[in-house]
Amino acid sequence: MRTYIGQMPAQRLELHCHGSGCTSTSLVRAHLTPQSFARRVQGESGTNLLVSPSRYTTGLPRGLYDPAILCADCDNFLNTQYDDPGFALLNVLDEDLSARDAGLGANAYFQNPGLNCGFLIRFVLSILWRYSISRLPDTSEVNLGPYQDRARDVLWGAMTLTDFPEFKVVCQRYTKGLVETRKMLSSPVPMKDAEFNAYGFSLLGFHFLSKVDRRSFPPMFKGFIVNESDVFRGYYVDFHETPQGRGARDLLVAARRRLHQKRR
């Protein structure tokens, strides 16, 4: 009698859509940050440059996309409910503030009584959630952990923001300086200096600081937590003095060094 020893075929992980209640396995290339922001940043200045710890490329001018997280219907839902109106809102707010930014220093503040605070919070959450469910190398630092499903349910309307008290948002605006921050956008990254779990990302000269933690924001943020006021209010910071500014400088220096070494 002969005995044959073989290997079981490798199990393929079946990918499915992460949308609320969706089981579709027909997935699309879903952008993690709305493309409209990358188009606005690009304008007529040429192809956008993507800089990260591992990349320095024009190969992704419209930003990161993931073909393994959403089906067409759920991607379109996020585009319609959050991406398009979110871009329209921030575009108008940016244009309004840019005419008044000159001469304003750090700690000055701005406000807009007519802005829908609840929508802005959910828009910020929609970007964080997409990065959290992605398994791309460039998104590995973003993980909502036990709050990931709750975030999804808030976005699809199965829960309210009141049901997610751990999620709070603060909006900052970069002062005018050597770097044209209105021509930058960044992916969410952990705020390593914070005493709580938080992420930050930038769009059109704004920086959104989001806490995903039971611990409260420190008293210094009182009056600027978007969730806790009916009037939208943010404050100015000097980009060069922020962790984001220092990190962007370090990324550019390191990326240009790698590029120079490749050309040698």
C-alpha atoms as a PDB file:
ATOM      1  CA  MET A   1       0.000   0.000   0.000  1.00  0.00           C
ATOM      2  CA  ARG A   2       1.319   3.417  -0.895  1.00  0.00           C
ATOM      3  CA  THR A   3       0.685   6.490   1.179  1.00  0.00           C
ATOM      4  CA  TYR A   4       0.781   9.880  -0.527  1.00  0.00           C
ATOM      5  CA  ILE A   5       1.412  13.008   1.493  1.00  0.00           C
ATOM      6  CA  GLY A   6       0.423  16.285  -0.033  1.00  0.00           C
ATOM      7  CA  GLN A   7      -0.566  19.801   0.961  1.00  0.00           C
ATOM      8  CA  MET A   8      -4.018  21.219   1.216  1.00  0.00           C
ATOM      9  CA  PRO A   9      -4.566  24.083  -1.252  1.00  0.00           C
ATOM     10  CA  ALA A  10      -4.066  27.503   0.313  1.00  0.00           C
ATOM     11  CA  GLN A  11      -7.255  29.040   1.594  1.00  0.00           C
ATOM     12  CA  ARG A  12      -8.113  32.230  -0.245  1.00  0.00           C
ATOM     13  CA  LEU A  13      -9.490  34.993   1.893  1.00  0.00           C
ATOM     14  CA  GLU A  14     -12.733  36.051   0.252  1.00  0.00           C
ATOM     15  CA  LEU A  15     -12.967  39.823   0.206  1.00  0.00           C
ATOM     16  CA  HIS A  16     -16.301  41.480   0.740  1.00  0.00           C
ATOM     17  CA  CYS A  17     -17.679  44.976   1.025  1.00  0.00           C
ATOM     18  CA  HIS A  18     -17.429  46.670   4.437  1.00  0.00           C
ATOM     19  CA  GLY A  19     -20.583  48.753   3.964  1.00  0.00           C
ATOM     20  CA  SER A  20     -23.381  48.412   6.494  1.00  0.00           C
ATOM     21  CA  GLY A  21     -25.243  45.152   5.937  1.00  0.00           C
ATOM     22  CA  CYS A  22     -23.508  44.614   2.588  1.00  0.00           C
ATOM     23  CA  THR A  23     -22.131  41.210   1.594  1.00  0.00           C
ATOM     24  CA  SER A  24     -21.165  42.023  -1.992  1.00  0.00           C
ATOM     25  CA  THR A  25     -17.880  40.550  -3.214  1.00  0.00           C
ATOM     26  CA  SER A  26     -17.857  42.699  -6.360  1.00  0.00           C
ATOM     27  CA  LEU A  27     -15.525  45.478  -5.246  1.00  0.00           C
ATOM     28  CA  VAL A  28     -14.282  48.682  -6.877  1.00  0.00           C
ATOM     29  CA  ARG A  29     -11.234  50.932  -6.607  1.00  0.00           C
ATOM     30  CA  ALA A  30     -12.411  53.143  -3.768  1.00  0.00           C
ATOM     31  CA  HIS A  31     -10.453  56.294  -2.972  1.00  0.00           C
ATOM     32  CA  LEU A  32      -9.739  56.798   0.706  1.00  0.00           C
ATOM     33  CA  THR A  33      -9.668  60.608   0.552  1.00  0.00           C
ATOM     34  CA  PRO A  34     -12.201  62.131  -1.895  1.00  0.00           C
ATOM     35  CA  GLN A  35     -10.622  62.747  -5.304  1.00  0.00           C
ATOM     36  CA  SER A  36     -12.170  66.207  -5.500  1.00  0.00           C
ATOM     37  CA  PHE A  37      -9.626  67.504  -2.964  1.00  0.00           C
ATOM     38  CA  ALA A  38      -6.698  66.164  -5.006  1.00  0.00           C
ATOM     39  CA  ARG A  39      -8.147  67.766  -8.155  1.00  0.00           C
ATOM     40  CA  ARG A  40      -8.485  71.097  -6.347  1.00  0.00           C
ATOM     41  CA  VAL A  41      -4.913  70.873  -5.021  1.00  0.00           C
ATOM     42  CA  GLN A  42      -3.560  70.017  -8.462  1.00  0.00           C
ATOM     43  CA  GLY A  43      -5.319  72.820 -10.313  1.00  0.00           C
ATOM     44  CA  GLU A  44      -3.142  73.898 -13.229  1.00  0.00           C
ATOM     45  CA  SER A  45       0.155  73.355 -11.412  1.00  0.00           C
ATOM     46  CA  GLY A  46       0.837  69.880 -12.778  1.00  0.00           C
ATOM     47  CA  THR A  47       0.661  66.381 -11.350  1.00  0.00           C
ATOM     48  CA  ASN A  48       0.416  66.057  -7.587  1.00  0.00           C
ATOM     49  CA  LEU A  49       3.367  64.602  -5.715  1.00  0.00           C
ATOM     50  CA  LEU A  50       2.749  61.825  -3.194  1.00  0.00           C
ATOM     51  CA  VAL A  51       5.227  61.714  -0.321  1.00  0.00           C
ATOM     52  CA  SER A  52       5.182  59.020   2.373  1.00  0.00           C
ATOM     53  CA  PRO A  53       7.755  57.082   4.424  1.00  0.00           C
ATOM     54  CA  SER A  54       8.021  54.617   1.520  1.00  0.00           C
ATOM     55  CA  ARG A  55       7.106  56.685  -1.556  1.00  0.00           C
ATOM     56  CA  TYR A  56       8.071  59.789  -3.458  1.00  0.00           C
ATOM     57  CA  THR A  57       6.036  59.548  -6.638  1.00  0.00           C
ATOM     58  CA  THR A  58       3.647  61.155  -9.078  1.00  0.00           C
ATOM     59  CA  GLY A  59       2.170  57.706  -9.740  1.00  0.00           C
ATOM     60  CA  LEU A  60      -0.873  58.335  -7.544  1.00  0.00           C
ATOM     61  CA  PRO A  61      -1.813  61.953  -8.308  1.00  0.00           C
ATOM     62  CA  ARG A  62      -5.346  61.518  -6.965  1.00  0.00           C
ATOM     63  CA  GLY A  63      -4.258  59.821  -3.753  1.00  0.00           C
ATOM     64  CA  LEU A  64      -4.590  56.332  -2.335  1.00  0.00           C
ATOM     65  CA  TYR A  65      -7.310  53.940  -3.425  1.00  0.00           C
ATOM     66  CA  ASP A  66      -8.134  50.436  -2.234  1.00  0.00           C
ATOM     67  CA  PRO A  67      -9.772  47.830  -4.507  1.00  0.00           C
ATOM     68  CA  ALA A  68     -10.669  45.565  -1.579  1.00  0.00           C
ATOM     69  CA  ILE A  69     -12.975  47.497   0.762  1.00  0.00           C
ATOM     70  CA  LEU A  70     -16.191  48.690  -0.934  1.00  0.00           C
ATOM     71  CA  CYS A  71     -18.635  47.743  -3.651  1.00  0.00           C
ATOM     72  CA  ALA A  72     -19.844  50.303  -6.196  1.00  0.00           C
ATOM     73  CA  ASP A  73     -23.113  50.994  -4.352  1.00  0.00           C
ATOM     74  CA  CYS A  74     -21.474  51.606  -0.963  1.00  0.00           C
ATOM     75  CA  ASP A  75     -18.665  53.653  -2.484  1.00  0.00           C
ATOM     76  CA  ASN A  76     -21.263  55.762  -4.286  1.00  0.00           C
ATOM     77  CA  PHE A  77     -23.208  56.143  -1.022  1.00  0.00           C
ATOM     78  CA  LEU A  78     -20.166  57.642   0.700  1.00  0.00           C
ATOM     79  CA  ASN A  79     -19.402  59.824  -2.318  1.00  0.00           C
ATOM     80  CA  THR A  80     -22.947  61.187  -2.432  1.00  0.00           C
ATOM     81  CA  GLN A  81     -23.596  61.527   1.293  1.00  0.00           C
ATOM     82  CA  TYR A  82     -20.182  62.804   2.419  1.00  0.00           C
ATOM     83  CA  ASP A  83     -17.498  63.341  -0.227  1.00  0.00           C
ATOM     84  CA  ASP A  84     -19.258  65.691  -2.632  1.00  0.00           C
ATOM     85  CA  PRO A  85     -21.046  67.853  -0.034  1.00  0.00           C
ATOM     86  CA  GLY A  86     -17.941  67.762   2.209  1.00  0.00           C
ATOM     87  CA  PHE A  87     -15.774  69.137  -0.575  1.00  0.00           C
ATOM     88  CA  ALA A  88     -18.348  71.805  -1.400  1.00  0.00           C
ATOM     89  CA  LEU A  89     -18.534  72.884   2.242  1.00  0.00           C
ATOM     90  CA  LEU A  90     -14.762  73.098   2.819  1.00  0.00           C
ATOM     91  CA  ASN A  91     -14.147  74.705  -0.553  1.00  0.00           C
ATOM     92  CA  VAL A  92     -16.521  77.554   0.280  1.00  0.00           C
ATOM     93  CA  LEU A  93     -15.148  77.895   3.817  1.00  0.00           C
ATOM     94  CA  ASP A  94     -11.570  77.945   2.504  1.00  0.00           C
ATOM     95  CA  GLU A  95     -12.347  80.608  -0.087  1.00  0.00           C
ATOM     96  CA  ASP A  96     -14.068  82.717   2.562  1.00  0.00           C
ATOM     97  CA  LEU A  97     -11.213  82.454   5.062  1.00  0.00           C
ATOM     98  CA  SER A  98      -8.362  82.805   2.561  1.00  0.00           C
ATOM     99  CA  ALA A  99      -9.347  86.420   1.968  1.00  0.00           C
ATOM    100  CA  ARG A 100      -8.912  87.113   5.683  1.00  0.00           C
ATOM    101  CA  ASP A 101      -6.002  84.819   6.620  1.00  0.00           C
ATOM    102  CA  ALA A 102      -3.289  87.396   5.938  1.00  0.00           C
ATOM    103  CA  GLY A 103      -1.885  88.894   9.121  1.00  0.00           C
ATOM    104  CA  LEU A 104      -3.616  86.426  11.429  1.00  0.00           C
ATOM    105  CA  GLY A 105      -1.275  84.610  13.789  1.00  0.00           C
ATOM    106  CA  ALA A 106      -1.499  81.425  15.802  1.00  0.00           C
ATOM    107  CA  ASN A 107      -4.294  81.383  18.411  1.00  0.00           C
ATOM    108  CA  ALA A 108      -6.571  83.648  16.379  1.00  0.00           C
ATOM    109  CA  TYR A 109      -9.876  81.916  15.760  1.00  0.00           C
ATOM    110  CA  PHE A 110     -12.654  81.786  13.178  1.00  0.00           C
ATOM    111  CA  GLN A 111     -16.262  80.729  13.282  1.00  0.00           C
ATOM    112  CA  ASN A 112     -19.208  80.091  10.989  1.00  0.00           C
ATOM    113  CA  PRO A 113     -22.605  79.982  12.720  1.00  0.00           C
ATOM    114  CA  GLY A 114     -24.335  78.570   9.645  1.00  0.00           C
ATOM    115  CA  LEU A 115     -22.128  75.503   9.169  1.00  0.00           C
ATOM    116  CA  ASN A 116     -23.676  72.090   9.859  1.00  0.00           C
ATOM    117  CA  CYS A 117     -21.446  70.746  12.648  1.00  0.00           C
ATOM    118  CA  GLY A 118     -22.999  67.272  12.642  1.00  0.00           C
ATOM    119  CA  PHE A 119     -22.355  66.815   8.944  1.00  0.00           C
ATOM    120  CA  LEU A 120     -18.725  67.976   9.222  1.00  0.00           C
ATOM    121  CA  ILE A 121     -18.069  65.486  12.032  1.00  0.00           C
ATOM    122  CA  ARG A 122     -19.498  62.608   9.983  1.00  0.00           C
ATOM    123  CA  PHE A 123     -17.512  63.706   6.928  1.00  0.00           C
ATOM    124  CA  VAL A 124     -14.284  63.538   8.956  1.00  0.00           C
ATOM    125  CA  LEU A 125     -15.369  60.142  10.311  1.00  0.00           C
ATOM    126  CA  SER A 126     -16.038  58.841   6.781  1.00  0.00           C
ATOM    127  CA  ILE A 127     -12.394  59.404   5.820  1.00  0.00           C
ATOM    128  CA  LEU A 128     -10.996  57.896   9.023  1.00  0.00           C
ATOM    129  CA  TRP A 129     -13.250  54.844   8.679  1.00  0.00           C
ATOM    130  CA  ARG A 130     -12.077  54.119   5.131  1.00  0.00           C
ATOM    131  CA  TYR A 131      -8.433  54.264   6.180  1.00  0.00           C
ATOM    132  CA  SER A 132      -9.203  52.024   9.145  1.00  0.00           C
ATOM    133  CA  ILE A 133     -10.806  49.243   7.078  1.00  0.00           C
ATOM    134  CA  SER A 134      -8.057  49.359   4.445  1.00  0.00           C
ATOM    135  CA  ARG A 135      -5.127  46.957   4.637  1.00  0.00           C
ATOM    136  CA  LEU A 136      -2.812  48.931   2.391  1.00  0.00           C
ATOM    137  CA  PRO A 137       0.714  49.435   3.799  1.00  0.00           C
ATOM    138  CA  ASP A 138       0.224  53.216   3.761  1.00  0.00           C
ATOM    139  CA  THR A 139      -2.842  52.931   6.027  1.00  0.00           C
ATOM    140  CA  SER A 140      -1.395  50.563   8.618  1.00  0.00           C
ATOM    141  CA  GLU A 141      -1.218  53.212  11.367  1.00  0.00           C
ATOM    142  CA  VAL A 142      -4.943  53.972  11.260  1.00  0.00           C
ATOM    143  CA  ASN A 143      -7.038  51.540  13.290  1.00  0.00           C
ATOM    144  CA  LEU A 144     -10.325  52.416  14.952  1.00  0.00           C
ATOM    145  CA  GLY A 145     -10.267  49.053  16.720  1.00  0.00           C
ATOM    146  CA  PRO A 146     -13.457  48.384  18.730  1.00  0.00           C
ATOM    147  CA  TYR A 147     -14.988  51.605  17.352  1.00  0.00           C
ATOM    148  CA  GLN A 148     -14.751  50.608  13.687  1.00  0.00           C
ATOM    149  CA  ASP A 149     -18.220  49.062  13.414  1.00  0.00           C
ATOM    150  CA  ARG A 150     -19.758  51.870  15.421  1.00  0.00           C
ATOM    151  CA  ALA A 151     -18.225  54.384  13.014  1.00  0.00           C
ATOM    152  CA  ARG A 152     -19.749  52.494  10.072  1.00  0.00           C
ATOM    153  CA  ASP A 153     -23.180  52.455  11.721  1.00  0.00           C
ATOM    154  CA  VAL A 154     -23.027  56.215  12.318  1.00  0.00           C
ATOM    155  CA  LEU A 155     -22.132  56.813   8.672  1.00  0.00           C
ATOM    156  CA  TRP A 156     -25.020  54.680   7.423  1.00  0.00           C
ATOM    157  CA  GLY A 157     -27.491  56.188   9.895  1.00  0.00           C
ATOM    158  CA  ALA A 158     -28.005  53.076  12.032  1.00  0.00           C
ATOM    159  CA  MET A 159     -26.593  55.016  15.012  1.00  0.00           C
ATOM    160  CA  THR A 160     -26.249  58.702  15.843  1.00  0.00           C
ATOM    161  CA  LEU A 161     -23.208  60.708  16.855  1.00  0.00           C
ATOM    162  CA  THR A 162     -24.664  60.776  20.363  1.00  0.00           C
ATOM    163  CA  ASP A 163     -24.162  56.989  20.408  1.00  0.00           C
ATOM    164  CA  PHE A 164     -20.465  57.540  19.686  1.00  0.00           C
ATOM    165  CA  PRO A 165     -19.309  59.937  22.442  1.00  0.00           C
ATOM    166  CA  GLU A 166     -15.691  58.767  22.174  1.00  0.00           C
ATOM    167  CA  PHE A 167     -15.381  60.456  18.774  1.00  0.00           C
ATOM    168  CA  LYS A 168     -14.700  64.206  18.940  1.00  0.00           C
ATOM    169  CA  VAL A 169     -13.325  66.605  16.330  1.00  0.00           C
ATOM    170  CA  VAL A 170     -11.344  69.843  16.528  1.00  0.00           C
ATOM    171  CA  CYS A 171     -10.692  71.972  13.436  1.00  0.00           C
ATOM    172  CA  GLN A 172      -7.540  74.037  12.982  1.00  0.00           C
ATOM    173  CA  ARG A 173      -6.533  76.419  10.199  1.00  0.00           C
ATOM    174  CA  TYR A 174      -2.928  76.925   9.138  1.00  0.00           C
ATOM    175  CA  THR A 175      -1.629  80.498   9.153  1.00  0.00           C
ATOM    176  CA  LYS A 176      -0.110  81.886   5.969  1.00  0.00           C
ATOM    177  CA  GLY A 177       3.595  81.093   5.683  1.00  0.00           C
ATOM    178  CA  LEU A 178       6.368  79.817   3.437  1.00  0.00           C
ATOM    179  CA  VAL A 179       4.449  76.611   2.692  1.00  0.00           C
ATOM    180  CA  GLU A 180       1.181  77.016   0.780  1.00  0.00           C
ATOM    181  CA  THR A 181      -0.834  74.646   2.951  1.00  0.00           C
ATOM    182  CA  ARG A 182      -3.985  75.192   0.870  1.00  0.00           C
ATOM    183  CA  LYS A 183      -2.161  73.200  -1.828  1.00  0.00           C
ATOM    184  CA  MET A 184      -1.582  70.217   0.449  1.00  0.00           C
ATOM    185  CA  LEU A 185      -3.614  67.296   1.681  1.00  0.00           C
ATOM    186  CA  SER A 186      -2.513  64.547   4.007  1.00  0.00           C
ATOM    187  CA  SER A 187      -3.702  61.104   5.023  1.00  0.00           C
ATOM    188  CA  PRO A 188      -4.741  60.465   8.635  1.00  0.00           C
ATOM    189  CA  VAL A 189      -1.851  59.697  10.973  1.00  0.00           C
ATOM    190  CA  PRO A 190      -1.769  59.017  14.728  1.00  0.00           C
ATOM    191  CA  MET A 191      -1.076  62.068  16.871  1.00  0.00           C
ATOM    192  CA  LYS A 192       1.845  60.562  18.766  1.00  0.00           C
ATOM    193  CA  ASP A 193       2.231  63.379  21.278  1.00  0.00           C
ATOM    194  CA  ALA A 194      -1.381  63.219  22.449  1.00  0.00           C
ATOM    195  CA  GLU A 195      -2.376  61.694  25.789  1.00  0.00           C
ATOM    196  CA  PHE A 196      -5.247  59.888  24.096  1.00  0.00           C
ATOM    197  CA  ASN A 197      -5.850  57.995  20.845  1.00  0.00           C
ATOM    198  CA  ALA A 198      -6.226  60.584  18.113  1.00  0.00           C
ATOM    199  CA  TYR A 199      -5.629  61.063  14.402  1.00  0.00           C
ATOM    200  CA  GLY A 200      -4.985  64.113  12.295  1.00  0.00           C
ATOM    201  CA  PHE A 201      -5.192  64.928   8.593  1.00  0.00           C
ATOM    202  CA  SER A 202      -5.165  68.072   6.468  1.00  0.00           C
ATOM    203  CA  LEU A 203      -7.355  69.337   3.618  1.00  0.00           C
ATOM    204  CA  LEU A 204      -7.251  72.734   1.869  1.00  0.00           C
ATOM    205  CA  GLY A 205      -5.360  74.486   4.665  1.00  0.00           C
ATOM    206  CA  PHE A 206      -7.477  72.936   7.446  1.00  0.00           C
ATOM    207  CA  HIS A 207      -6.266  70.328   9.905  1.00  0.00           C
ATOM    208  CA  PHE A 208      -8.755  68.001  11.589  1.00  0.00           C
ATOM    209  CA  LEU A 209      -7.773  66.520  14.938  1.00  0.00           C
ATOM    210  CA  SER A 210     -10.034  63.578  15.822  1.00  0.00           C
ATOM    211  CA  LYS A 211     -10.120  61.848  19.199  1.00  0.00           C
ATOM    212  CA  VAL A 212     -11.255  58.206  19.257  1.00  0.00           C
ATOM    213  CA  ASP A 213     -10.957  57.510  22.949  1.00  0.00           C
ATOM    214  CA  ARG A 214     -12.979  57.527  26.180  1.00  0.00           C
ATOM    215  CA  ARG A 215     -10.577  60.073  27.640  1.00  0.00           C
ATOM    216  CA  SER A 216     -11.562  63.696  27.196  1.00  0.00           C
ATOM    217  CA  PHE A 217      -9.855  66.417  25.216  1.00  0.00           C
ATOM    218  CA  PRO A 218      -7.646  68.544  27.505  1.00  0.00           C
ATOM    219  CA  PRO A 219      -9.101  71.867  28.749  1.00  0.00           C
ATOM    220  CA  MET A 220      -7.054  73.798  26.158  1.00  0.00           C
ATOM    221  CA  PHE A 221      -9.495  72.628  23.467  1.00  0.00           C
ATOM    222  CA  LYS A 222     -12.577  73.859  25.316  1.00  0.00           C
ATOM    223  CA  GLY A 223     -14.752  75.941  23.034  1.00  0.00           C
ATOM    224  CA  PHE A 224     -13.298  74.370  19.870  1.00  0.00           C
ATOM    225  CA  ILE A 225     -14.691  70.822  20.017  1.00  0.00           C
ATOM    226  CA  VAL A 226     -17.061  70.701  17.051  1.00  0.00           C
ATOM    227  CA  ASN A 227     -19.304  68.085  18.699  1.00  0.00           C
ATOM    228  CA  GLU A 228     -19.962  70.273  21.717  1.00  0.00           C
ATOM    229  CA  SER A 229     -21.241  73.462  20.107  1.00  0.00           C
ATOM    230  CA  ASP A 230     -23.991  74.541  17.743  1.00  0.00           C
ATOM    231  CA  VAL A 231     -21.599  77.140  16.310  1.00  0.00           C
ATOM    232  CA  PHE A 232     -18.669  75.871  14.276  1.00  0.00           C
ATOM    233  CA  ARG A 233     -15.438  77.367  15.581  1.00  0.00           C
ATOM    234  CA  GLY A 234     -11.751  76.648  14.895  1.00  0.00           C
ATOM    235  CA  TYR A 235      -8.422  78.287  15.552  1.00  0.00           C
ATOM    236  CA  TYR A 236      -5.201  79.124  13.699  1.00  0.00           C
ATOM    237  CA  VAL A 237      -1.895  77.289  14.125  1.00  0.00           C
ATOM    238  CA  ASP A 238       1.536  77.757  12.559  1.00  0.00           C
ATOM    239  CA  PHE A 239       2.099  74.793  10.233  1.00  0.00           C
ATOM    240  CA  HIS A 240       5.871  74.878  10.764  1.00  0.00           C
ATOM    241  CA  GLU A 241       5.433  74.512  14.539  1.00  0.00           C
ATOM    242  CA  THR A 242       3.091  71.534  14.371  1.00  0.00           C
ATOM    243  CA  PRO A 243       4.001  67.815  14.388  1.00  0.00           C
ATOM    244  CA  GLN A 244       2.497  67.694  10.875  1.00  0.00           C
ATOM    245  CA  GLY A 245       4.815  70.432   9.650  1.00  0.00           C
ATOM    246  CA  ARG A 246       7.900  68.835  11.147  1.00  0.00           C
ATOM    247  CA  GLY A 247       6.845  65.434   9.842  1.00  0.00           C
ATOM    248  CA  ALA A 248       6.247  66.783   6.313  1.00  0.00           C
ATOM    249  CA  ARG A 249       9.702  68.367   6.319  1.00  0.00           C
ATOM    250  CA  ASP A 250      11.340  65.117   7.453  1.00  0.00           C
ATOM    251  CA  LEU A 251       9.438  63.100   4.815  1.00  0.00           C
ATOM    252  CA  LEU A 252      10.528  65.433   2.027  1.00  0.00           C
ATOM    253  CA  VAL A 253      14.159  65.395   3.119  1.00  0.00           C
ATOM    254  CA  ALA A 254      14.214  61.586   3.408  1.00  0.00           C
ATOM    255  CA  ALA A 255      12.358  61.068   0.112  1.00  0.00           C
ATOM    256  CA  ARG A 256      14.637  63.392  -1.820  1.00  0.00           C
ATOM    257  CA  ARG A 257      17.669  61.651  -0.325  1.00  0.00           C
ATOM    258  CA  ARG A 258      16.355  58.258  -1.498  1.00  0.00           C
ATOM    259  CA  LEU A 259      15.615  59.660  -4.946  1.00  0.00           C
ATOM    260  CA  HIS A 260      19.111  61.117  -5.206  1.00  0.00           C
ATOM    261  CA  GLN A 261      20.702  57.806  -4.190  1.00  0.00           C
ATOM    262  CA  LYS A 262      18.714  55.935  -6.865  1.00  0.00           C
ATOM    263  CA  ARG A 263      19.973  58.293  -9.548  1.00  0.00           C
ATOM    264  CA  ARG A 264      23.622  57.886  -8.594  1.00  0.00           C
END
